[in-house]
Amino acid sequence: MQEELLDAIFDAVMDGDIPGAPATVQAALDGGLDAETILRDGMIAAMTRVGELYECGDYYVAEMFTSAKALQAALVVLRPMLQQSQVQATGTVVIGTVKGDMHDIGKNLVTMMLEGAGYAVHDLGADVHPSRFVAAVEEVHPDLVALSALLTTTMPSMQATVDALTTAGLRERVKVMIGGAPVNEEYAEHIGADGYAQDASQAVSLANALMQVKAQRSA
């Protein structure tokens, strides 16, 4: 019975069934499944598979987006249970589109994919001044800071944000990852970021890799 409930959650997220996903989560809770099992074996497992299908070309951005939306809808039901049971997040991320850039579709998809991978994500929105990133790091104490830019003219705001974190004495506390159409791995190295992700699926892989690095250094 429990396996059937988890399969229903998995399928609802995979299929991008936005009304069905929260219903399957509620059914699993009513059936006695704990929140962590639902999250890990149902929802995260589904989004991991979605990422794999995207990477191999069987899923496109549209499918990945609807799956992420279904997961977000399911999280509305599950999140209170996760908080009550104090399930440990994979990590904590502060994310935003940098100052001067109002584009947020890519950033929103990365946010949803990270949440699907079990991260606690604090989304600062678009046109985020470096000082707001600094304030968020001081307040939230995240593991990762994710910066998005869709315009070549706003790429310098990424550098300004990294510099602001350094000036505030916070740079060594967090790993910084960047993404967006005009940036690449070379630019990430140029501004002193810790990594670059080409798309939302790779953002999750990069976040996981950076979390492993943090864990190894603190061990």
N, C-alpha and C. Protein backbone atom coordinates (compact mmCIF):
# COMPACT_ATOMS: atom_id res chain seq x y z
N MET A 1 0.83 -1.21 0.00
CA MET A 1 0.00 0.00 0.00
C MET A 1 0.87 1.26 0.00
N GLN A 2 1.90 1.28 0.86
CA GLN A 2 2.77 2.46 0.91
C GLN A 2 3.48 2.67 -0.42
N GLU A 3 3.92 1.57 -1.03
CA GLU A 3 4.61 1.68 -2.31
C GLU A 3 3.67 2.24 -3.38
N GLU A 4 2.41 1.86 -3.33
CA GLU A 4 1.43 2.38 -4.29
C GLU A 4 1.24 3.88 -4.09
N LEU A 5 1.19 4.33 -2.84
CA LEU A 5 1.03 5.75 -2.56
C LEU A 5 2.23 6.55 -3.07
N LEU A 6 3.43 6.02 -2.85
CA LEU A 6 4.63 6.69 -3.33
C LEU A 6 4.69 6.72 -4.85
N ASP A 7 4.25 5.62 -5.46
CA ASP A 7 4.22 5.57 -6.93
C ASP A 7 3.25 6.62 -7.49
N ALA A 8 2.14 6.82 -6.79
CA ALA A 8 1.16 7.81 -7.25
C ALA A 8 1.74 9.22 -7.18
N ILE A 9 2.48 9.50 -6.12
CA ILE A 9 3.14 10.81 -5.99
C ILE A 9 4.18 10.97 -7.09
N PHE A 10 4.99 9.95 -7.27
CA PHE A 10 6.03 9.96 -8.29
C PHE A 10 5.43 10.25 -9.66
N ASP A 11 4.37 9.54 -10.00
CA ASP A 11 3.75 9.69 -11.32
C ASP A 11 3.11 11.07 -11.48
N ALA A 12 2.49 11.58 -10.42
CA ALA A 12 1.84 12.89 -10.51
C ALA A 12 2.86 13.99 -10.78
N VAL A 13 3.99 13.92 -10.11
CA VAL A 13 5.04 14.92 -10.34
C VAL A 13 5.65 14.74 -11.72
N MET A 14 5.96 13.51 -12.08
CA MET A 14 6.54 13.24 -13.40
C MET A 14 5.64 13.73 -14.52
N ASP A 15 4.33 13.54 -14.35
CA ASP A 15 3.37 13.91 -15.39
C ASP A 15 2.99 15.39 -15.35
N GLY A 16 3.48 16.12 -14.36
CA GLY A 16 3.11 17.52 -14.25
C GLY A 16 1.64 17.71 -13.91
N ASP A 17 1.11 16.80 -13.10
CA ASP A 17 -0.30 16.85 -12.71
C ASP A 17 -0.44 17.81 -11.53
N ILE A 18 -0.67 19.08 -11.83
CA ILE A 18 -0.65 20.11 -10.79
C ILE A 18 -1.77 19.94 -9.77
N PRO A 19 -3.01 19.65 -10.17
CA PRO A 19 -4.02 19.39 -9.13
C PRO A 19 -3.88 18.02 -8.48
N GLY A 20 -3.35 17.06 -9.24
CA GLY A 20 -3.26 15.70 -8.71
C GLY A 20 -2.14 15.49 -7.72
N ALA A 21 -1.02 16.21 -7.87
CA ALA A 21 0.13 16.00 -7.00
C ALA A 21 -0.19 16.27 -5.53
N PRO A 22 -0.80 17.41 -5.18
CA PRO A 22 -1.13 17.62 -3.76
C PRO A 22 -2.14 16.60 -3.24
N ALA A 23 -3.04 16.15 -4.10
CA ALA A 23 -4.03 15.16 -3.68
C ALA A 23 -3.36 13.83 -3.33
N THR A 24 -2.34 13.45 -4.12
CA THR A 24 -1.64 12.20 -3.82
C THR A 24 -0.82 12.31 -2.54
N VAL A 25 -0.26 13.49 -2.30
CA VAL A 25 0.48 13.70 -1.05
C VAL A 25 -0.45 13.61 0.15
N GLN A 26 -1.61 14.23 0.04
CA GLN A 26 -2.58 14.17 1.14
C GLN A 26 -3.03 12.74 1.38
N ALA A 27 -3.23 11.99 0.29
CA ALA A 27 -3.62 10.59 0.43
C ALA A 27 -2.53 9.79 1.14
N ALA A 28 -1.27 10.09 0.82
CA ALA A 28 -0.16 9.39 1.47
C ALA A 28 -0.09 9.73 2.95
N LEU A 29 -0.29 11.00 3.28
CA LEU A 29 -0.31 11.39 4.69
C LEU A 29 -1.45 10.70 5.43
N ASP A 30 -2.61 10.68 4.81
CA ASP A 30 -3.77 10.02 5.41
C ASP A 30 -3.54 8.51 5.56
N GLY A 31 -2.70 7.98 4.66
CA GLY A 31 -2.41 6.55 4.71
C GLY A 31 -1.30 6.18 5.68
N GLY A 32 -0.77 7.18 6.40
CA GLY A 32 0.20 6.91 7.44
C GLY A 32 1.65 7.07 7.07
N LEU A 33 1.92 7.52 5.84
CA LEU A 33 3.32 7.73 5.44
C LEU A 33 3.87 9.00 6.10
N ASP A 34 5.11 8.95 6.53
CA ASP A 34 5.70 10.12 7.17
C ASP A 34 6.18 11.11 6.12
N ALA A 35 6.33 12.37 6.53
CA ALA A 35 6.64 13.45 5.60
C ALA A 35 7.99 13.24 4.90
N GLU A 36 8.98 12.76 5.64
CA GLU A 36 10.31 12.60 5.04
C GLU A 36 10.30 11.54 3.95
N THR A 37 9.58 10.44 4.17
CA THR A 37 9.49 9.39 3.16
C THR A 37 8.80 9.92 1.91
N ILE A 38 7.73 10.67 2.11
CA ILE A 38 7.01 11.25 0.97
C ILE A 38 7.92 12.17 0.18
N LEU A 39 8.68 13.00 0.89
CA LEU A 39 9.57 13.95 0.22
C LEU A 39 10.67 13.22 -0.54
N ARG A 40 11.38 12.32 0.14
CA ARG A 40 12.56 11.70 -0.45
C ARG A 40 12.21 10.66 -1.51
N ASP A 41 11.30 9.74 -1.16
CA ASP A 41 11.04 8.60 -2.03
C ASP A 41 9.96 8.86 -3.08
N GLY A 42 9.20 9.92 -2.88
CA GLY A 42 8.18 10.27 -3.86
C GLY A 42 8.55 11.48 -4.68
N MET A 43 8.67 12.62 -4.02
CA MET A 43 8.83 13.89 -4.72
C MET A 43 10.25 14.11 -5.24
N ILE A 44 11.26 13.94 -4.37
CA ILE A 44 12.63 14.13 -4.82
C ILE A 44 13.01 13.08 -5.86
N ALA A 45 12.57 11.86 -5.65
CA ALA A 45 12.85 10.80 -6.63
C ALA A 45 12.29 11.16 -8.00
N ALA A 46 11.09 11.74 -8.01
CA ALA A 46 10.46 12.13 -9.28
C ALA A 46 11.23 13.25 -9.96
N MET A 47 11.61 14.28 -9.19
CA MET A 47 12.32 15.40 -9.79
C MET A 47 13.73 14.99 -10.24
N THR A 48 14.33 14.04 -9.55
CA THR A 48 15.62 13.52 -9.99
C THR A 48 15.47 12.85 -11.36
N ARG A 49 14.40 12.10 -11.51
CA ARG A 49 14.14 11.43 -12.79
C ARG A 49 13.83 12.45 -13.88
N VAL A 50 13.08 13.48 -13.54
CA VAL A 50 12.78 14.55 -14.50
C VAL A 50 14.09 15.17 -14.99
N GLY A 51 15.00 15.45 -14.07
CA GLY A 51 16.29 16.01 -14.45
C GLY A 51 17.07 15.08 -15.38
N GLU A 52 17.02 13.80 -15.10
CA GLU A 52 17.71 12.83 -15.96
C GLU A 52 17.11 12.81 -17.36
N LEU A 53 15.79 12.84 -17.44
CA LEU A 53 15.12 12.83 -18.75
C LEU A 53 15.40 14.11 -19.52
N TYR A 54 15.52 15.23 -18.79
CA TYR A 54 15.86 16.49 -19.45
C TYR A 54 17.29 16.43 -19.99
N GLU A 55 18.19 15.89 -19.20
CA GLU A 55 19.59 15.83 -19.61
C GLU A 55 19.77 14.98 -20.87
N CYS A 56 18.98 13.92 -21.00
CA CYS A 56 19.13 13.04 -22.17
C CYS A 56 18.23 13.44 -23.34
N GLY A 57 17.48 14.54 -23.17
CA GLY A 57 16.69 15.07 -24.27
C GLY A 57 15.29 14.52 -24.40
N ASP A 58 14.85 13.66 -23.46
CA ASP A 58 13.50 13.12 -23.53
C ASP A 58 12.46 14.08 -22.95
N TYR A 59 12.89 14.98 -22.07
CA TYR A 59 12.04 16.04 -21.54
C TYR A 59 12.60 17.38 -22.01
N TYR A 60 11.69 18.32 -22.20
CA TYR A 60 12.09 19.67 -22.58
C TYR A 60 11.76 20.62 -21.43
N VAL A 61 12.08 21.90 -21.61
CA VAL A 61 11.86 22.87 -20.54
C VAL A 61 10.39 22.88 -20.12
N ALA A 62 9.48 22.77 -21.08
CA ALA A 62 8.05 22.81 -20.76
C ALA A 62 7.66 21.68 -19.81
N GLU A 63 8.14 20.46 -20.09
CA GLU A 63 7.83 19.32 -19.22
C GLU A 63 8.47 19.49 -17.85
N MET A 64 9.70 19.96 -17.84
CA MET A 64 10.38 20.17 -16.57
C MET A 64 9.66 21.22 -15.73
N PHE A 65 9.18 22.26 -16.40
CA PHE A 65 8.49 23.34 -15.70
C PHE A 65 7.17 22.85 -15.09
N THR A 66 6.38 22.07 -15.85
CA THR A 66 5.11 21.60 -15.31
C THR A 66 5.33 20.60 -14.18
N SER A 67 6.36 19.78 -14.28
CA SER A 67 6.68 18.87 -13.18
C SER A 67 7.06 19.65 -11.93
N ALA A 68 7.85 20.71 -12.12
CA ALA A 68 8.25 21.54 -10.98
C ALA A 68 7.04 22.25 -10.38
N LYS A 69 6.12 22.68 -11.21
CA LYS A 69 4.90 23.32 -10.70
C LYS A 69 4.06 22.31 -9.91
N ALA A 70 3.98 21.09 -10.38
CA ALA A 70 3.25 20.05 -9.65
C ALA A 70 3.90 19.79 -8.31
N LEU A 71 5.22 19.77 -8.29
CA LEU A 71 5.93 19.57 -7.03
C LEU A 71 5.67 20.72 -6.07
N GLN A 72 5.70 21.95 -6.57
CA GLN A 72 5.43 23.10 -5.70
C GLN A 72 4.03 23.01 -5.10
N ALA A 73 3.06 22.59 -5.90
CA ALA A 73 1.70 22.44 -5.38
C ALA A 73 1.65 21.38 -4.29
N ALA A 74 2.41 20.30 -4.48
CA ALA A 74 2.45 19.23 -3.48
C ALA A 74 3.14 19.70 -2.21
N LEU A 75 4.16 20.55 -2.36
CA LEU A 75 4.88 21.05 -1.20
C LEU A 75 4.00 21.90 -0.29
N VAL A 76 3.00 22.56 -0.86
CA VAL A 76 2.07 23.35 -0.04
C VAL A 76 1.40 22.45 1.00
N VAL A 77 1.08 21.24 0.60
CA VAL A 77 0.45 20.28 1.51
C VAL A 77 1.47 19.70 2.48
N LEU A 78 2.67 19.41 1.96
CA LEU A 78 3.65 18.67 2.76
C LEU A 78 4.45 19.56 3.70
N ARG A 79 4.69 20.82 3.33
CA ARG A 79 5.60 21.67 4.08
C ARG A 79 5.26 21.77 5.58
N PRO A 80 4.00 21.95 5.97
CA PRO A 80 3.70 22.01 7.42
C PRO A 80 4.10 20.73 8.15
N MET A 81 3.94 19.59 7.49
CA MET A 81 4.33 18.32 8.11
C MET A 81 5.84 18.21 8.23
N LEU A 82 6.55 18.71 7.22
CA LEU A 82 8.02 18.71 7.28
C LEU A 82 8.51 19.56 8.43
N GLN A 83 7.87 20.71 8.62
CA GLN A 83 8.27 21.61 9.70
C GLN A 83 7.98 20.99 11.06
N GLN A 84 6.85 20.32 11.17
CA GLN A 84 6.50 19.68 12.44
C GLN A 84 7.46 18.56 12.79
N SER A 85 7.85 17.80 11.78
CA SER A 85 8.74 16.66 12.03
C SER A 85 10.21 17.07 11.97
N GLN A 86 10.47 18.36 11.68
CA GLN A 86 11.83 18.92 11.65
C GLN A 86 12.76 18.12 10.74
N VAL A 87 12.25 17.83 9.54
CA VAL A 87 13.06 17.14 8.54
C VAL A 87 14.17 18.07 8.08
N GLN A 88 15.39 17.58 8.08
CA GLN A 88 16.56 18.37 7.70
C GLN A 88 16.59 18.59 6.21
N ALA A 89 16.69 19.85 5.79
CA ALA A 89 16.79 20.16 4.37
C ALA A 89 18.15 19.72 3.84
N THR A 90 18.21 19.48 2.53
CA THR A 90 19.47 19.13 1.89
C THR A 90 20.50 20.23 2.08
N GLY A 91 20.02 21.46 2.07
CA GLY A 91 20.85 22.64 2.25
C GLY A 91 19.97 23.87 2.13
N THR A 92 20.54 25.03 2.39
CA THR A 92 19.79 26.28 2.32
C THR A 92 20.40 27.17 1.24
N VAL A 93 19.53 27.74 0.41
CA VAL A 93 19.98 28.54 -0.72
C VAL A 93 19.30 29.91 -0.69
N VAL A 94 20.07 30.95 -0.91
CA VAL A 94 19.54 32.28 -1.20
C VAL A 94 19.71 32.51 -2.70
N ILE A 95 18.62 32.84 -3.38
CA ILE A 95 18.67 32.98 -4.83
C ILE A 95 18.02 34.29 -5.26
N GLY A 96 18.50 34.85 -6.35
CA GLY A 96 17.89 36.06 -6.89
C GLY A 96 18.49 36.42 -8.24
N THR A 97 17.73 37.20 -9.02
CA THR A 97 18.26 37.79 -10.24
C THR A 97 18.91 39.11 -9.86
N VAL A 98 20.10 39.35 -10.38
CA VAL A 98 20.92 40.44 -9.89
C VAL A 98 20.38 41.82 -10.27
N LYS A 99 20.96 42.84 -9.64
CA LYS A 99 20.53 44.23 -9.81
C LYS A 99 20.50 44.64 -11.28
N GLY A 100 19.39 45.30 -11.66
CA GLY A 100 19.22 45.80 -13.01
C GLY A 100 18.56 44.83 -13.96
N ASP A 101 18.34 43.59 -13.52
CA ASP A 101 17.78 42.55 -14.38
C ASP A 101 16.43 42.10 -13.83
N MET A 102 15.38 42.26 -14.63
CA MET A 102 14.03 41.92 -14.18
C MET A 102 13.59 40.53 -14.60
N HIS A 103 14.42 39.79 -15.29
CA HIS A 103 14.04 38.46 -15.77
C HIS A 103 14.03 37.46 -14.61
N ASP A 104 12.98 36.68 -14.53
CA ASP A 104 12.92 35.74 -13.40
C ASP A 104 12.42 34.35 -13.76
N ILE A 105 12.11 34.08 -15.04
CA ILE A 105 11.56 32.77 -15.39
C ILE A 105 12.59 31.67 -15.13
N GLY A 106 13.82 31.88 -15.60
CA GLY A 106 14.86 30.88 -15.37
C GLY A 106 15.16 30.70 -13.89
N LYS A 107 15.23 31.83 -13.18
CA LYS A 107 15.48 31.78 -11.74
C LYS A 107 14.36 31.04 -11.01
N ASN A 108 13.13 31.27 -11.44
CA ASN A 108 11.99 30.59 -10.81
C ASN A 108 12.06 29.07 -11.03
N LEU A 109 12.47 28.67 -12.22
CA LEU A 109 12.58 27.24 -12.49
C LEU A 109 13.69 26.61 -11.66
N VAL A 110 14.81 27.31 -11.54
CA VAL A 110 15.90 26.81 -10.69
C VAL A 110 15.41 26.67 -9.25
N THR A 111 14.66 27.67 -8.78
CA THR A 111 14.11 27.62 -7.42
C THR A 111 13.26 26.38 -7.21
N MET A 112 12.38 26.11 -8.17
CA MET A 112 11.50 24.95 -8.04
C MET A 112 12.28 23.65 -8.10
N MET A 113 13.28 23.58 -8.96
CA MET A 113 14.08 22.36 -9.05
C MET A 113 14.89 22.13 -7.78
N LEU A 114 15.42 23.20 -7.20
CA LEU A 114 16.15 23.07 -5.94
C LEU A 114 15.22 22.62 -4.82
N GLU A 115 14.03 23.20 -4.77
CA GLU A 115 13.06 22.75 -3.77
C GLU A 115 12.72 21.28 -3.97
N GLY A 116 12.62 20.89 -5.24
CA GLY A 116 12.33 19.49 -5.53
C GLY A 116 13.44 18.56 -5.11
N ALA A 117 14.65 19.09 -4.99
CA ALA A 117 15.79 18.29 -4.53
C ALA A 117 15.97 18.36 -3.02
N GLY A 118 15.02 19.01 -2.35
CA GLY A 118 15.05 19.02 -0.89
C GLY A 118 15.71 20.22 -0.26
N TYR A 119 16.04 21.24 -1.06
CA TYR A 119 16.67 22.44 -0.52
C TYR A 119 15.62 23.41 0.04
N ALA A 120 16.00 24.13 1.09
CA ALA A 120 15.21 25.25 1.58
C ALA A 120 15.69 26.48 0.81
N VAL A 121 14.80 27.08 0.03
CA VAL A 121 15.20 28.15 -0.88
C VAL A 121 14.55 29.47 -0.46
N HIS A 122 15.36 30.50 -0.34
CA HIS A 122 14.89 31.85 -0.04
C HIS A 122 15.07 32.69 -1.30
N ASP A 123 13.95 32.95 -1.97
CA ASP A 123 13.96 33.64 -3.26
C ASP A 123 13.80 35.13 -3.03
N LEU A 124 14.82 35.90 -3.39
CA LEU A 124 14.79 37.35 -3.20
C LEU A 124 14.13 38.08 -4.36
N GLY A 125 13.79 37.33 -5.43
CA GLY A 125 13.12 37.95 -6.57
C GLY A 125 14.10 38.44 -7.61
N ALA A 126 13.68 39.49 -8.37
CA ALA A 126 14.50 40.05 -9.44
C ALA A 126 15.00 41.44 -9.05
N ASP A 127 15.99 41.93 -9.81
CA ASP A 127 16.56 43.26 -9.58
C ASP A 127 17.05 43.40 -8.13
N VAL A 128 17.84 42.43 -7.69
CA VAL A 128 18.27 42.38 -6.30
C VAL A 128 19.63 43.07 -6.13
N HIS A 129 19.66 44.09 -5.32
CA HIS A 129 20.89 44.83 -5.06
C HIS A 129 21.86 43.96 -4.26
N PRO A 130 23.17 44.11 -4.50
CA PRO A 130 24.14 43.32 -3.73
C PRO A 130 23.94 43.39 -2.22
N SER A 131 23.52 44.55 -1.72
CA SER A 131 23.32 44.69 -0.29
C SER A 131 22.20 43.79 0.23
N ARG A 132 21.22 43.50 -0.62
CA ARG A 132 20.13 42.60 -0.21
C ARG A 132 20.62 41.17 -0.11
N PHE A 133 21.51 40.79 -1.01
CA PHE A 133 22.11 39.46 -0.89
C PHE A 133 22.92 39.36 0.40
N VAL A 134 23.67 40.40 0.70
CA VAL A 134 24.47 40.42 1.93
C VAL A 134 23.56 40.30 3.15
N ALA A 135 22.48 41.08 3.17
CA ALA A 135 21.56 41.04 4.30
C ALA A 135 20.93 39.66 4.44
N ALA A 136 20.59 39.04 3.32
CA ALA A 136 19.96 37.71 3.36
C ALA A 136 20.93 36.67 3.89
N VAL A 137 22.19 36.76 3.50
CA VAL A 137 23.19 35.81 4.00
C VAL A 137 23.37 35.99 5.51
N GLU A 138 23.38 37.22 5.96
CA GLU A 138 23.52 37.48 7.40
C GLU A 138 22.31 36.96 8.18
N GLU A 139 21.13 37.04 7.56
CA GLU A 139 19.90 36.64 8.26
C GLU A 139 19.64 35.15 8.19
N VAL A 140 19.82 34.57 7.00
CA VAL A 140 19.41 33.18 6.76
C VAL A 140 20.53 32.18 7.03
N HIS A 141 21.80 32.62 6.90
CA HIS A 141 22.96 31.73 7.03
C HIS A 141 22.88 30.56 6.05
N PRO A 142 22.78 30.87 4.75
CA PRO A 142 22.64 29.80 3.76
C PRO A 142 23.95 29.07 3.50
N ASP A 143 23.83 27.93 2.85
CA ASP A 143 25.00 27.22 2.37
C ASP A 143 25.44 27.76 1.01
N LEU A 144 24.45 28.14 0.19
CA LEU A 144 24.69 28.54 -1.19
C LEU A 144 24.01 29.86 -1.50
N VAL A 145 24.63 30.64 -2.37
CA VAL A 145 24.02 31.84 -2.95
C VAL A 145 23.99 31.63 -4.46
N ALA A 146 22.81 31.74 -5.06
CA ALA A 146 22.64 31.52 -6.49
C ALA A 146 22.26 32.83 -7.17
N LEU A 147 23.06 33.23 -8.16
CA LEU A 147 22.86 34.49 -8.85
C LEU A 147 22.46 34.23 -10.30
N SER A 148 21.43 34.94 -10.76
CA SER A 148 20.97 34.79 -12.14
C SER A 148 21.08 36.12 -12.86
N ALA A 149 21.47 36.07 -14.15
CA ALA A 149 21.47 37.25 -15.00
C ALA A 149 21.12 36.82 -16.42
N LEU A 150 20.23 37.55 -17.06
CA LEU A 150 19.83 37.23 -18.43
C LEU A 150 20.31 38.27 -19.43
N LEU A 151 20.94 39.33 -18.96
CA LEU A 151 21.40 40.40 -19.84
C LEU A 151 22.91 40.58 -19.68
N THR A 152 23.60 40.82 -20.77
CA THR A 152 25.03 41.08 -20.67
C THR A 152 25.29 42.35 -19.87
N THR A 153 24.36 43.30 -19.92
CA THR A 153 24.55 44.56 -19.21
C THR A 153 24.45 44.40 -17.69
N THR A 154 23.87 43.29 -17.22
CA THR A 154 23.74 43.10 -15.77
C THR A 154 24.76 42.10 -15.22
N MET A 155 25.58 41.55 -16.09
CA MET A 155 26.62 40.63 -15.62
C MET A 155 27.54 41.28 -14.57
N PRO A 156 27.91 42.57 -14.72
CA PRO A 156 28.75 43.17 -13.68
C PRO A 156 28.12 43.17 -12.29
N SER A 157 26.78 43.08 -12.21
CA SER A 157 26.13 43.01 -10.91
C SER A 157 26.46 41.72 -10.19
N MET A 158 26.78 40.67 -10.94
CA MET A 158 27.22 39.42 -10.32
C MET A 158 28.55 39.65 -9.62
N GLN A 159 29.48 40.30 -10.34
CA GLN A 159 30.77 40.63 -9.73
C GLN A 159 30.58 41.50 -8.50
N ALA A 160 29.70 42.50 -8.62
CA ALA A 160 29.46 43.41 -7.49
C ALA A 160 28.91 42.67 -6.29
N THR A 161 28.08 41.65 -6.53
CA THR A 161 27.51 40.88 -5.43
C THR A 161 28.56 40.03 -4.74
N VAL A 162 29.40 39.36 -5.54
CA VAL A 162 30.49 38.58 -4.96
C VAL A 162 31.42 39.49 -4.15
N ASP A 163 31.72 40.66 -4.71
CA ASP A 163 32.59 41.60 -4.01
C ASP A 163 31.95 42.08 -2.70
N ALA A 164 30.63 42.32 -2.73
CA ALA A 164 29.93 42.78 -1.53
C ALA A 164 29.97 41.72 -0.44
N LEU A 165 29.83 40.45 -0.83
CA LEU A 165 29.92 39.36 0.15
C LEU A 165 31.33 39.30 0.74
N THR A 166 32.33 39.53 -0.09
CA THR A 166 33.72 39.52 0.39
C THR A 166 33.96 40.67 1.36
N THR A 167 33.51 41.87 0.98
CA THR A 167 33.69 43.05 1.83
C THR A 167 33.02 42.87 3.19
N ALA A 168 31.86 42.21 3.18
CA ALA A 168 31.12 41.99 4.42
C ALA A 168 31.69 40.85 5.26
N GLY A 169 32.73 40.19 4.75
CA GLY A 169 33.32 39.08 5.47
C GLY A 169 32.51 37.80 5.44
N LEU A 170 31.66 37.67 4.42
CA LEU A 170 30.74 36.53 4.35
C LEU A 170 31.09 35.54 3.24
N ARG A 171 32.02 35.90 2.39
CA ARG A 171 32.28 35.09 1.19
C ARG A 171 32.70 33.67 1.53
N GLU A 172 33.50 33.51 2.58
CA GLU A 172 34.00 32.18 2.92
C GLU A 172 32.93 31.29 3.54
N ARG A 173 31.81 31.90 3.94
CA ARG A 173 30.74 31.11 4.57
C ARG A 173 29.86 30.39 3.55
N VAL A 174 29.83 30.90 2.32
CA VAL A 174 28.89 30.37 1.33
C VAL A 174 29.59 29.99 0.05
N LYS A 175 28.95 29.12 -0.70
CA LYS A 175 29.36 28.82 -2.06
C LYS A 175 28.46 29.63 -2.99
N VAL A 176 29.07 30.24 -4.00
CA VAL A 176 28.32 31.08 -4.93
C VAL A 176 28.24 30.38 -6.29
N MET A 177 27.02 30.23 -6.80
CA MET A 177 26.81 29.65 -8.11
C MET A 177 26.06 30.65 -8.99
N ILE A 178 26.39 30.65 -10.28
CA ILE A 178 25.76 31.60 -11.19
C ILE A 178 25.15 30.87 -12.38
N GLY A 179 24.20 31.56 -13.04
CA GLY A 179 23.59 31.00 -14.24
C GLY A 179 22.90 32.10 -15.04
N GLY A 180 22.54 31.75 -16.27
CA GLY A 180 21.88 32.71 -17.14
C GLY A 180 22.51 32.69 -18.52
N ALA A 181 21.76 33.14 -19.50
CA ALA A 181 22.17 33.03 -20.90
C ALA A 181 23.54 33.63 -21.21
N PRO A 182 23.90 34.81 -20.68
CA PRO A 182 25.16 35.42 -21.12
C PRO A 182 26.40 34.95 -20.37
N VAL A 183 26.24 34.12 -19.33
CA VAL A 183 27.39 33.75 -18.51
C VAL A 183 27.86 32.33 -18.82
N ASN A 184 29.05 32.01 -18.37
CA ASN A 184 29.62 30.68 -18.59
C ASN A 184 30.61 30.35 -17.48
N GLU A 185 31.25 29.20 -17.59
CA GLU A 185 32.17 28.75 -16.56
C GLU A 185 33.35 29.71 -16.41
N GLU A 186 33.82 30.22 -17.55
CA GLU A 186 34.95 31.14 -17.51
C GLU A 186 34.58 32.42 -16.74
N TYR A 187 33.37 32.90 -16.96
CA TYR A 187 32.96 34.11 -16.25
C TYR A 187 32.82 33.83 -14.75
N ALA A 188 32.32 32.64 -14.41
CA ALA A 188 32.22 32.27 -13.00
C ALA A 188 33.60 32.32 -12.34
N GLU A 189 34.60 31.79 -13.01
CA GLU A 189 35.96 31.83 -12.48
C GLU A 189 36.47 33.27 -12.40
N HIS A 190 36.14 34.07 -13.41
CA HIS A 190 36.60 35.45 -13.47
C HIS A 190 36.12 36.28 -12.28
N ILE A 191 34.87 36.06 -11.86
CA ILE A 191 34.31 36.88 -10.78
C ILE A 191 34.50 36.23 -9.41
N GLY A 192 35.09 35.06 -9.38
CA GLY A 192 35.33 34.40 -8.10
C GLY A 192 34.17 33.59 -7.58
N ALA A 193 33.25 33.20 -8.48
CA ALA A 193 32.16 32.31 -8.07
C ALA A 193 32.68 30.88 -8.00
N ASP A 194 31.90 30.00 -7.38
CA ASP A 194 32.33 28.61 -7.19
C ASP A 194 31.85 27.67 -8.29
N GLY A 195 30.95 28.15 -9.15
CA GLY A 195 30.48 27.28 -10.20
C GLY A 195 29.42 27.93 -11.06
N TYR A 196 29.19 27.33 -12.23
CA TYR A 196 28.22 27.81 -13.22
C TYR A 196 27.34 26.65 -13.64
N ALA A 197 26.04 26.92 -13.77
CA ALA A 197 25.11 25.91 -14.25
C ALA A 197 24.40 26.44 -15.50
N GLN A 198 24.35 25.62 -16.52
CA GLN A 198 23.78 26.02 -17.80
C GLN A 198 22.26 26.08 -17.75
N ASP A 199 21.65 25.23 -16.92
CA ASP A 199 20.19 25.18 -16.84
C ASP A 199 19.77 24.71 -15.45
N ALA A 200 18.46 24.60 -15.26
CA ALA A 200 17.93 24.27 -13.93
C ALA A 200 18.34 22.89 -13.46
N SER A 201 18.37 21.94 -14.38
CA SER A 201 18.77 20.59 -14.00
C SER A 201 20.23 20.56 -13.54
N GLN A 202 21.10 21.24 -14.30
CA GLN A 202 22.50 21.30 -13.90
C GLN A 202 22.70 22.10 -12.62
N ALA A 203 21.80 23.05 -12.36
CA ALA A 203 21.89 23.82 -11.12
C ALA A 203 21.77 22.92 -9.91
N VAL A 204 20.89 21.93 -9.98
CA VAL A 204 20.73 20.99 -8.87
C VAL A 204 21.99 20.15 -8.70
N SER A 205 22.53 19.67 -9.82
CA SER A 205 23.76 18.87 -9.76
C SER A 205 24.90 19.69 -9.18
N LEU A 206 25.00 20.96 -9.60
CA LEU A 206 26.06 21.83 -9.09
C LEU A 206 25.86 22.09 -7.60
N ALA A 207 24.63 22.37 -7.20
CA ALA A 207 24.36 22.61 -5.78
C ALA A 207 24.76 21.40 -4.94
N ASN A 208 24.41 20.22 -5.41
CA ASN A 208 24.78 19.00 -4.67
C ASN A 208 26.30 18.84 -4.57
N ALA A 209 26.99 19.15 -5.67
CA ALA A 209 28.45 19.03 -5.66
C ALA A 209 29.08 20.04 -4.70
N LEU A 210 28.56 21.27 -4.70
CA LEU A 210 29.09 22.30 -3.81
C LEU A 210 28.81 21.96 -2.35
N MET A 211 27.66 21.34 -2.09
CA MET A 211 27.35 20.92 -0.73
C MET A 211 28.32 19.84 -0.26
N GLN A 212 28.72 18.95 -1.16
CA GLN A 212 29.69 17.91 -0.81
C GLN A 212 31.04 18.54 -0.46
N VAL A 213 31.42 19.55 -1.24
CA VAL A 213 32.69 20.24 -0.96
C VAL A 213 32.65 20.89 0.42
N LYS A 214 31.52 21.55 0.72
CA LYS A 214 31.38 22.19 2.05
C LYS A 214 31.48 21.15 3.15
N ALA A 215 30.82 20.02 2.96
CA ALA A 215 30.82 18.96 3.99
C ALA A 215 32.22 18.41 4.19
N GLN A 216 32.96 18.23 3.10
CA GLN A 216 34.32 17.69 3.22
C GLN A 216 35.24 18.66 3.94
N ARG A 217 35.07 19.96 3.69
CA ARG A 217 35.95 20.95 4.31
C ARG A 217 35.65 21.15 5.79
N SER A 218 34.37 20.87 6.18
CA SER A 218 34.00 21.04 7.57
C SER A 218 34.20 19.79 8.39
N ALA A 219 34.50 18.69 7.69
CA ALA A 219 34.68 17.40 8.39
C ALA A 219 35.99 17.37 9.16
